[in-house]
PDB file of N, CA and C in Angstrom:
ATOM      1  N   MET A   1       8.680   1.089  24.901  1.00  0.00           N
ATOM      2  CA  MET A   1       8.513   0.284  23.542  1.00  0.00           C
ATOM      3  C   MET A   1       9.696  -0.079  22.981  1.00  0.00           C
ATOM      4  N   THR A   2       9.931  -1.587  22.831  1.00  0.00           N
ATOM      5  CA  THR A   2      11.412  -2.030  22.450  1.00  0.00           C
ATOM      6  C   THR A   2      11.275  -2.461  20.881  1.00  0.00           C
ATOM      7  N   ASP A   3      10.266  -2.500  20.530  1.00  0.00           N
ATOM      8  CA  ASP A   3      10.507  -2.916  19.132  1.00  0.00           C
ATOM      9  C   ASP A   3      10.175  -1.860  18.290  1.00  0.00           C
ATOM     10  N   GLY A   4      10.550  -1.517  17.188  1.00  0.00           N
ATOM     11  CA  GLY A   4      10.867  -0.389  16.246  1.00  0.00           C
ATOM     12  C   GLY A   4      11.938  -0.057  15.921  1.00  0.00           C
ATOM     13  N   ARG A   5      11.932   1.192  15.240  1.00  0.00           N
ATOM     14  CA  ARG A   5      13.476   1.806  14.854  1.00  0.00           C
ATOM     15  C   ARG A   5      13.207   2.944  15.537  1.00  0.00           C
ATOM     16  N   VAL A   6      14.670   3.784  15.647  1.00  0.00           N
ATOM     17  CA  VAL A   6      14.980   4.728  16.246  1.00  0.00           C
ATOM     18  C   VAL A   6      15.170   5.911  14.983  1.00  0.00           C
ATOM     19  N   VAL A   7      14.623   7.000  15.192  1.00  0.00           N
ATOM     20  CA  VAL A   7      14.498   7.993  14.362  1.00  0.00           C
ATOM     21  C   VAL A   7      15.026   9.290  14.944  1.00  0.00           C
ATOM     22  N   THR A   8      15.641   9.968  14.564  1.00  0.00           N
ATOM     23  CA  THR A   8      16.230  10.846  15.143  1.00  0.00           C
ATOM     24  C   THR A   8      16.015  12.296  14.073  1.00  0.00           C
ATOM     25  N   ALA A   9      15.504  13.434  15.081  1.00  0.00           N
ATOM     26  CA  ALA A   9      15.213  14.832  14.312  1.00  0.00           C
ATOM     27  C   ALA A   9      15.815  15.948  15.142  1.00  0.00           C
ATOM     28  N   HIS A  10      16.386  16.668  14.683  1.00  0.00           N
ATOM     29  CA  HIS A  10      16.668  18.171  15.242  1.00  0.00           C
ATOM     30  C   HIS A  10      15.512  19.251  15.068  1.00  0.00           C
ATOM     31  N   LEU A  11      15.221  19.578  16.633  1.00  0.00           N
ATOM     32  CA  LEU A  11      14.100  20.529  16.692  1.00  0.00           C
ATOM     33  C   LEU A  11      14.639  21.674  16.926  1.00  0.00           C
ATOM     34  N   PRO A  12      13.937  23.009  16.645  1.00  0.00           N
ATOM     35  CA  PRO A  12      14.421  24.177  17.180  1.00  0.00           C
ATOM     36  C   PRO A  12      14.557  24.196  18.561  1.00  0.00           C
ATOM     37  N   GLU A  13      15.148  24.690  19.366  1.00  0.00           N
ATOM     38  CA  GLU A  13      15.017  24.750  21.077  1.00  0.00           C
ATOM     39  C   GLU A  13      13.795  24.898  21.696  1.00  0.00           C
ATOM     40  N   ALA A  14      13.229  26.146  20.947  1.00  0.00           N
ATOM     41  CA  ALA A  14      11.731  26.439  21.483  1.00  0.00           C
ATOM     42  C   ALA A  14      10.930  25.233  21.484  1.00  0.00           C
ATOM     43  N   LEU A  15      10.810  24.425  20.333  1.00  0.00           N
ATOM     44  CA  LEU A  15       9.940  23.398  19.961  1.00  0.00           C
ATOM     45  C   LEU A  15      10.269  22.402  20.968  1.00  0.00           C
ATOM     46  N   ALA A  16      11.432  22.020  21.283  1.00  0.00           N
ATOM     47  CA  ALA A  16      11.923  20.979  21.972  1.00  0.00           C
ATOM     48  C   ALA A  16      11.590  21.192  23.525  1.00  0.00           C
ATOM     49  N   SER A  17      11.575  22.384  23.854  1.00  0.00           N
ATOM     50  CA  SER A  17      11.340  23.143  25.046  1.00  0.00           C
ATOM     51  C   SER A  17       9.832  22.611  25.412  1.00  0.00           C
ATOM     52  N   ARG A  18       8.761  22.952  24.435  1.00  0.00           N
ATOM     53  CA  ARG A  18       7.431  22.885  24.380  1.00  0.00           C
ATOM     54  C   ARG A  18       7.184  21.217  24.357  1.00  0.00           C
ATOM     55  N   LEU A  19       7.776  20.454  23.588  1.00  0.00           N
ATOM     56  CA  LEU A  19       7.735  19.029  23.957  1.00  0.00           C
ATOM     57  C   LEU A  19       7.842  18.595  25.464  1.00  0.00           C
ATOM     58  N   ASP A  20       9.152  19.154  25.922  1.00  0.00           N
ATOM     59  CA  ASP A  20       9.569  18.766  27.215  1.00  0.00           C
ATOM     60  C   ASP A  20       8.426  19.090  28.333  1.00  0.00           C
ATOM     61  N   GLU A  21       7.956  20.321  28.131  1.00  0.00           N
ATOM     62  CA  GLU A  21       7.035  21.020  29.039  1.00  0.00           C
ATOM     63  C   GLU A  21       5.601  20.084  28.670  1.00  0.00           C
ATOM     64  N   ALA A  22       5.385  19.729  27.571  1.00  0.00           N
ATOM     65  CA  ALA A  22       3.854  18.941  27.309  1.00  0.00           C
ATOM     66  C   ALA A  22       4.128  17.472  28.042  1.00  0.00           C
ATOM     67  N   SER A  23       5.304  17.097  27.897  1.00  0.00           N
ATOM     68  CA  SER A  23       5.743  15.820  28.378  1.00  0.00           C
ATOM     69  C   SER A  23       5.546  15.821  29.971  1.00  0.00           C
ATOM     70  N   HIS A  24       6.275  16.398  30.616  1.00  0.00           N
ATOM     71  CA  HIS A  24       5.872  16.480  32.034  1.00  0.00           C
ATOM     72  C   HIS A  24       4.422  16.741  32.578  1.00  0.00           C
ATOM     73  N   ARG A  25       3.618  17.805  32.065  1.00  0.00           N
ATOM     74  CA  ARG A  25       2.335  17.953  31.781  1.00  0.00           C
ATOM     75  C   ARG A  25       1.506  16.870  31.897  1.00  0.00           C
ATOM     76  N   ILE A  26       1.539  15.887  31.054  1.00  0.00           N
ATOM     77  CA  ILE A  26       0.599  14.950  30.794  1.00  0.00           C
ATOM     78  C   ILE A  26       1.164  13.570  31.373  1.00  0.00           C
ATOM     79  N   ASP A  27       2.430  13.591  31.780  1.00  0.00           N
ATOM     80  CA  ASP A  27       3.134  12.539  32.446  1.00  0.00           C
ATOM     81  C   ASP A  27       3.275  11.455  31.402  1.00  0.00           C
ATOM     82  N   ARG A  28       3.732  11.589  30.053  1.00  0.00           N
ATOM     83  CA  ARG A  28       3.990  11.092  29.025  1.00  0.00           C
ATOM     84  C   ARG A  28       5.366  11.246  28.577  1.00  0.00           C
ATOM     85  N   THR A  29       6.133  10.150  27.648  1.00  0.00           N
ATOM     86  CA  THR A  29       7.295  10.416  27.289  1.00  0.00           C
ATOM     87  C   THR A  29       7.237  11.587  26.281  1.00  0.00           C
ATOM     88  N   ARG A  30       8.754  11.756  25.840  1.00  0.00           N
ATOM     89  CA  ARG A  30       8.520  12.651  24.325  1.00  0.00           C
ATOM     90  C   ARG A  30       8.533  11.612  23.418  1.00  0.00           C
ATOM     91  N   SER A  31       9.016  10.472  23.529  1.00  0.00           N
ATOM     92  CA  SER A  31       8.662   9.327  22.613  1.00  0.00           C
ATOM     93  C   SER A  31       7.141   9.037  22.248  1.00  0.00           C
ATOM     94  N   TRP A  32       6.400   9.293  23.456  1.00  0.00           N
ATOM     95  CA  TRP A  32       4.745   8.477  22.908  1.00  0.00           C
ATOM     96  C   TRP A  32       4.516  10.216  22.232  1.00  0.00           C
ATOM     97  N   ILE A  33       4.615  11.207  23.009  1.00  0.00           N
ATOM     98  CA  ILE A  33       4.190  12.305  21.967  1.00  0.00           C
ATOM     99  C   ILE A  33       4.537  12.473  20.674  1.00  0.00           C
ATOM    100  N   VAL A  34       5.917  12.188  20.459  1.00  0.00           N
ATOM    101  CA  VAL A  34       6.173  12.133  19.006  1.00  0.00           C
ATOM    102  C   VAL A  34       5.599  11.106  18.040  1.00  0.00           C
ATOM    103  N   ARG A  35       5.345   9.786  18.776  1.00  0.00           N
ATOM    104  CA  ARG A  35       4.741   8.831  18.041  1.00  0.00           C
ATOM    105  C   ARG A  35       3.488   9.313  17.829  1.00  0.00           C
ATOM    106  N   GLN A  36       2.526   9.834  18.829  1.00  0.00           N
ATOM    107  CA  GLN A  36       1.437  10.008  18.691  1.00  0.00           C
ATOM    108  C   GLN A  36       0.926  11.331  17.540  1.00  0.00           C
ATOM    109  N   ALA A  37       2.022  12.547  17.136  1.00  0.00           N
ATOM    110  CA  ALA A  37       1.866  13.579  16.465  1.00  0.00           C
ATOM    111  C   ALA A  37       2.304  12.951  14.984  1.00  0.00           C
ATOM    112  N   ILE A  38       3.343  12.119  15.319  1.00  0.00           N
ATOM    113  CA  ILE A  38       3.500  11.656  13.579  1.00  0.00           C
ATOM    114  C   ILE A  38       2.320  10.698  12.904  1.00  0.00           C
ATOM    115  N   GLY A  39       1.702  10.019  13.963  1.00  0.00           N
ATOM    116  CA  GLY A  39       0.906   9.194  13.666  1.00  0.00           C
ATOM    117  C   GLY A  39      -0.548   9.816  12.968  1.00  0.00           C
ATOM    118  N   GLU A  40      -0.936  11.102  13.802  1.00  0.00           N
ATOM    119  CA  GLU A  40      -2.035  12.004  13.456  1.00  0.00           C
ATOM    120  C   GLU A  40      -1.584  12.692  12.203  1.00  0.00           C
ATOM    121  N   TRP A  41      -0.493  13.113  12.012  1.00  0.00           N
ATOM    122  CA  TRP A  41       0.081  13.914  10.776  1.00  0.00           C
ATOM    123  C   TRP A  41      -0.147  12.822   9.905  1.00  0.00           C
ATOM    124  N   LEU A  42       0.586  11.772   9.712  1.00  0.00           N
ATOM    125  CA  LEU A  42       0.371  10.889   8.740  1.00  0.00           C
ATOM    126  C   LEU A  42      -0.840  10.333   8.095  1.00  0.00           C
ATOM    127  N   ALA A  43      -2.054  10.309   8.992  1.00  0.00           N
ATOM    128  CA  ALA A  43      -3.114  10.027   8.837  1.00  0.00           C
ATOM    129  C   ALA A  43      -4.098  11.268   7.895  1.00  0.00           C
ATOM    130  N   GLU A  44      -3.890  12.332   8.362  1.00  0.00           N
ATOM    131  CA  GLU A  44      -4.044  13.507   7.878  1.00  0.00           C
ATOM    132  C   GLU A  44      -3.409  13.906   6.117  1.00  0.00           C
ATOM    133  N   GLU A  45      -2.484  13.398   6.284  1.00  0.00           N
ATOM    134  CA  GLU A  45      -1.551  13.398   5.018  1.00  0.00           C
ATOM    135  C   GLU A  45      -1.998  12.313   4.044  1.00  0.00           C
ATOM    136  N   GLN A  46      -2.392  11.155   4.751  1.00  0.00           N
ATOM    137  CA  GLN A  46      -2.925  10.172   3.622  1.00  0.00           C
ATOM    138  C   GLN A  46      -4.298  10.717   3.109  1.00  0.00           C
ATOM    139  N   LEU A  47      -5.196  11.314   4.111  1.00  0.00           N
ATOM    140  CA  LEU A  47      -6.142  11.857   3.660  1.00  0.00           C
ATOM    141  C   LEU A  47      -6.585  12.814   2.688  1.00  0.00           C
ATOM    142  N   ARG A  48      -5.047  13.993   2.622  1.00  0.00           N
ATOM    143  CA  ARG A  48      -5.036  14.849   1.903  1.00  0.00           C
ATOM    144  C   ARG A  48      -4.655  13.956   0.390  1.00  0.00           C
ATOM    145  N   PHE A  49      -3.930  13.066   0.500  1.00  0.00           N
ATOM    146  CA  PHE A  49      -3.482  12.556  -0.860  1.00  0.00           C
ATOM    147  C   PHE A  49      -4.395  11.756  -1.504  1.00  0.00           C
ATOM    148  N   GLU A  50      -5.368  11.090  -0.795  1.00  0.00           N
ATOM    149  CA  GLU A  50      -6.857  10.546  -1.346  1.00  0.00           C
ATOM    150  C   GLU A  50      -7.713  11.542  -1.818  1.00  0.00           C
ATOM    151  N   MET A  51      -7.793  12.529  -1.194  1.00  0.00           N
ATOM    152  CA  MET A  51      -8.516  13.710  -1.706  1.00  0.00           C
ATOM    153  C   MET A  51      -8.003  14.503  -2.793  1.00  0.00           C
ATOM    154  N   THR A  52      -6.615  14.530  -3.040  1.00  0.00           N
ATOM    155  CA  THR A  52      -6.037  14.954  -4.409  1.00  0.00           C
ATOM    156  C   THR A  52      -6.304  13.847  -5.595  1.00  0.00           C
ATOM    157  N   LEU A  53      -5.991  12.747  -5.223  1.00  0.00           N
ATOM    158  CA  LEU A  53      -6.252  11.823  -6.545  1.00  0.00           C
ATOM    159  C   LEU A  53      -7.883  11.817  -6.647  1.00  0.00           C
ATOM    160  N   GLU A  54      -8.829  11.746  -5.809  1.00  0.00           N
ATOM    161  CA  GLU A  54     -10.140  12.244  -6.065  1.00  0.00           C
ATOM    162  C   GLU A  54     -10.274  13.186  -6.954  1.00  0.00           C
ATOM    163  N   ALA A  55     -10.002  14.218  -6.563  1.00  0.00           N
ATOM    164  CA  ALA A  55      -9.995  15.572  -7.137  1.00  0.00           C
ATOM    165  C   ALA A  55      -9.608  15.550  -8.871  1.00  0.00           C
ATOM    166  N   LEU A  56      -8.179  14.804  -9.022  1.00  0.00           N
ATOM    167  CA  LEU A  56      -7.487  14.624  -9.996  1.00  0.00           C
ATOM    168  C   LEU A  56      -8.241  13.601 -11.119  1.00  0.00           C
ATOM    169  N   LYS A  57      -9.235  12.685 -10.705  1.00  0.00           N
ATOM    170  CA  LYS A  57     -10.063  11.877 -11.101  1.00  0.00           C
ATOM    171  C   LYS A  57     -11.064  12.516 -11.821  1.00  0.00           C
ATOM    172  N   SER A  58     -11.925  13.632 -10.554  1.00  0.00           N
ATOM    173  CA  SER A  58     -13.211  14.281 -11.179  1.00  0.00           C
ATOM    174  C   SER A  58     -12.701  14.990 -12.540  1.00  0.00           C
ATOM    175  N   VAL A  59     -11.389  15.923 -12.457  1.00  0.00           N
ATOM    176  CA  VAL A  59     -10.952  16.621 -13.413  1.00  0.00           C
ATOM    177  C   VAL A  59     -10.724  15.561 -14.847  1.00  0.00           C
ATOM    178  N   ASP A  60      -9.952  14.404 -14.853  1.00  0.00           N
ATOM    179  CA  ASP A  60     -10.126  13.766 -15.733  1.00  0.00           C
ATOM    180  C   ASP A  60     -11.184  13.524 -16.237  1.00  0.00           C
ATOM    181  N   GLU A  61     -12.347  13.119 -15.306  1.00  0.00           N
ATOM    182  CA  GLU A  61     -13.800  13.133 -15.882  1.00  0.00           C
ATOM    183  C   GLU A  61     -14.496  14.154 -16.557  1.00  0.00           C
ATOM    184  N   GLY A  62     -14.008  15.242 -16.469  1.00  0.00           N
ATOM    185  CA  GLY A  62     -14.360  16.425 -16.717  1.00  0.00           C
ATOM    186  C   GLY A  62     -15.558  17.017 -15.826  1.00  0.00           C
ATOM    187  N   ARG A  63     -15.630  16.601 -14.539  1.00  0.00           N
ATOM    188  CA  ARG A  63     -16.261  17.322 -13.813  1.00  0.00           C
ATOM    189  C   ARG A  63     -15.786  18.560 -12.723  1.00  0.00           C
ATOM    190  N   THR A  64     -16.144  19.495 -13.632  1.00  0.00           N
ATOM    191  CA  THR A  64     -15.564  20.698 -13.237  1.00  0.00           C
ATOM    192  C   THR A  64     -16.465  21.805 -13.398  1.00  0.00           C
ATOM    193  N   ILE A  65     -16.226  22.824 -13.032  1.00  0.00           N
ATOM    194  CA  ILE A  65     -16.712  24.471 -12.906  1.00  0.00           C
ATOM    195  C   ILE A  65     -16.088  25.158 -13.409  1.00  0.00           C
ATOM    196  N   SER A  66     -16.592  26.146 -13.926  1.00  0.00           N
ATOM    197  CA  SER A  66     -15.437  27.619 -14.371  1.00  0.00           C
ATOM    198  C   SER A  66     -15.437  28.517 -13.088  1.00  0.00           C
ATOM    199  N   HIS A  67     -14.398  29.300 -13.093  1.00  0.00           N
ATOM    200  CA  HIS A  67     -14.193  29.993 -12.343  1.00  0.00           C
ATOM    201  C   HIS A  67     -15.064  31.211 -11.658  1.00  0.00           C
ATOM    202  N   ASP A  68     -16.042  31.683 -12.629  1.00  0.00           N
ATOM    203  CA  ASP A  68     -17.016  32.311 -12.534  1.00  0.00           C
ATOM    204  C   ASP A  68     -18.266  31.309 -11.804  1.00  0.00           C
ATOM    205  N   GLU A  69     -18.418  30.435 -12.234  1.00  0.00           N
ATOM    206  CA  GLU A  69     -19.389  29.267 -11.454  1.00  0.00           C
ATOM    207  C   GLU A  69     -18.901  29.282  -9.778  1.00  0.00           C
ATOM    208  N   ALA A  70     -17.801  29.028  -9.703  1.00  0.00           N
ATOM    209  CA  ALA A  70     -17.342  28.916  -8.406  1.00  0.00           C
ATOM    210  C   ALA A  70     -17.311  29.994  -7.519  1.00  0.00           C
ATOM    211  N   LEU A  71     -17.210  31.382  -8.166  1.00  0.00           N
ATOM    212  CA  LEU A  71     -17.376  32.519  -7.304  1.00  0.00           C
ATOM    213  C   LEU A  71     -18.955  32.835  -7.121  1.00  0.00           C
ATOM    214  N   THR A  72     -19.499  32.558  -7.903  1.00  0.00           N
ATOM    215  CA  THR A  72     -21.205  32.378  -8.003  1.00  0.00           C
ATOM    216  C   THR A  72     -21.700  31.521  -6.449  1.00  0.00           C
ATOM    217  N   LYS A  73     -21.124  30.285  -6.707  1.00  0.00           N
ATOM    218  CA  LYS A  73     -21.571  29.432  -5.369  1.00  0.00           C
ATOM    219  C   LYS A  73     -20.934  30.100  -4.182  1.00  0.00           C
ATOM    220  N   ILE A  74     -19.692  30.459  -4.141  1.00  0.00           N
ATOM    221  CA  ILE A  74     -19.150  31.199  -2.964  1.00  0.00           C
ATOM    222  C   ILE A  74     -20.064  32.274  -2.293  1.00  0.00           C
ATOM    223  N   GLN A  75     -20.462  33.075  -3.568  1.00  0.00           N
ATOM    224  CA  GLN A  75     -21.412  34.078  -2.682  1.00  0.00           C
ATOM    225  C   GLN A  75     -22.637  33.874  -2.326  1.00  0.00           C
ATOM    226  N   LEU A  76     -23.022  33.142  -3.037  1.00  0.00           N
ATOM    227  CA  LEU A  76     -24.455  32.391  -2.581  1.00  0.00           C
ATOM    228  C   LEU A  76     -24.522  31.683  -1.350  1.00  0.00           C
ATOM    229  N   ARG A  77     -23.173  31.170  -1.090  1.00  0.00           N
ATOM    230  CA  ARG A  77     -23.227  30.352   0.259  1.00  0.00           C
ATOM    231  C   ARG A  77     -23.224  31.329   1.297  1.00  0.00           C
ATOM    232  N   GLY A  78     -22.353  32.491   1.272  1.00  0.00           N
ATOM    233  CA  GLY A  78     -22.056  33.601   2.043  1.00  0.00           C
ATOM    234  C   GLY A  78     -23.324  34.367   2.235  1.00  0.00           C
ATOM    235  N   ARG A  79     -24.053  34.349   1.206  1.00  0.00           N
ATOM    236  CA  ARG A  79     -25.475  35.060   1.431  1.00  0.00           C
ATOM    237  C   ARG A  79     -26.375  34.206   2.426  1.00  0.00           C
ATOM    238  N   GLU A  80     -26.287  32.769   2.048  1.00  0.00           N
ATOM    239  CA  GLU A  80     -27.184  31.912   2.746  1.00  0.00           C
ATOM    240  C   GLU A  80     -26.790  31.905   4.543  1.00  0.00           C
ATOM    241  N   ARG A  81     -25.453  31.712   4.641  1.00  0.00           N
ATOM    242  CA  ARG A  81     -25.042  31.715   6.094  1.00  0.00           C
ATOM    243  C   ARG A  81     -25.454  33.173   6.785  1.00  0.00           C
ATOM    244  N   ARG A  82     -25.263  34.301   6.164  1.00  0.00           N
ATOM    245  CA  ARG A  82     -25.459  35.776   6.876  1.00  0.00           C
ATOM    246  C   ARG A  82     -26.802  35.785   7.082  1.00  0.00           C
ATOM    247  N   ALA A  83     -27.734  35.022   6.168  1.00  0.00           N
ATOM    248  CA  ALA A  83     -29.486  35.012   6.145  1.00  0.00           C
ATOM    249  C   ALA A  83     -29.849  34.029   7.541  1.00  0.00           C
ATOM    250  N   ALA A  84     -28.895  32.979   7.778  1.00  0.00           N
ATOM    251  CA  ALA A  84     -29.252  32.256   8.804  1.00  0.00           C
ATOM    252  C   ALA A  84     -28.947  32.491  10.292  1.00  0.00           C
TER     253      ALA A  84
END
């Protein structure tokens, strides 16, 4: 890949070794693995961000439940799963 920017990161020795091992095992470059990992992390982070915004919107709109209601729902779900 010739277009793009170079980004440098200092990795702990153990993590760098694991990266090298994976690179050899799957016959891909370290850069390819790092690009894949960062791309996946950024996608997950974007989803978390969007979910947080949606949750804050729900709070602003008054769509909340009390702590006791939440506990009751959790306990009910646990009983349903054990019964299944």
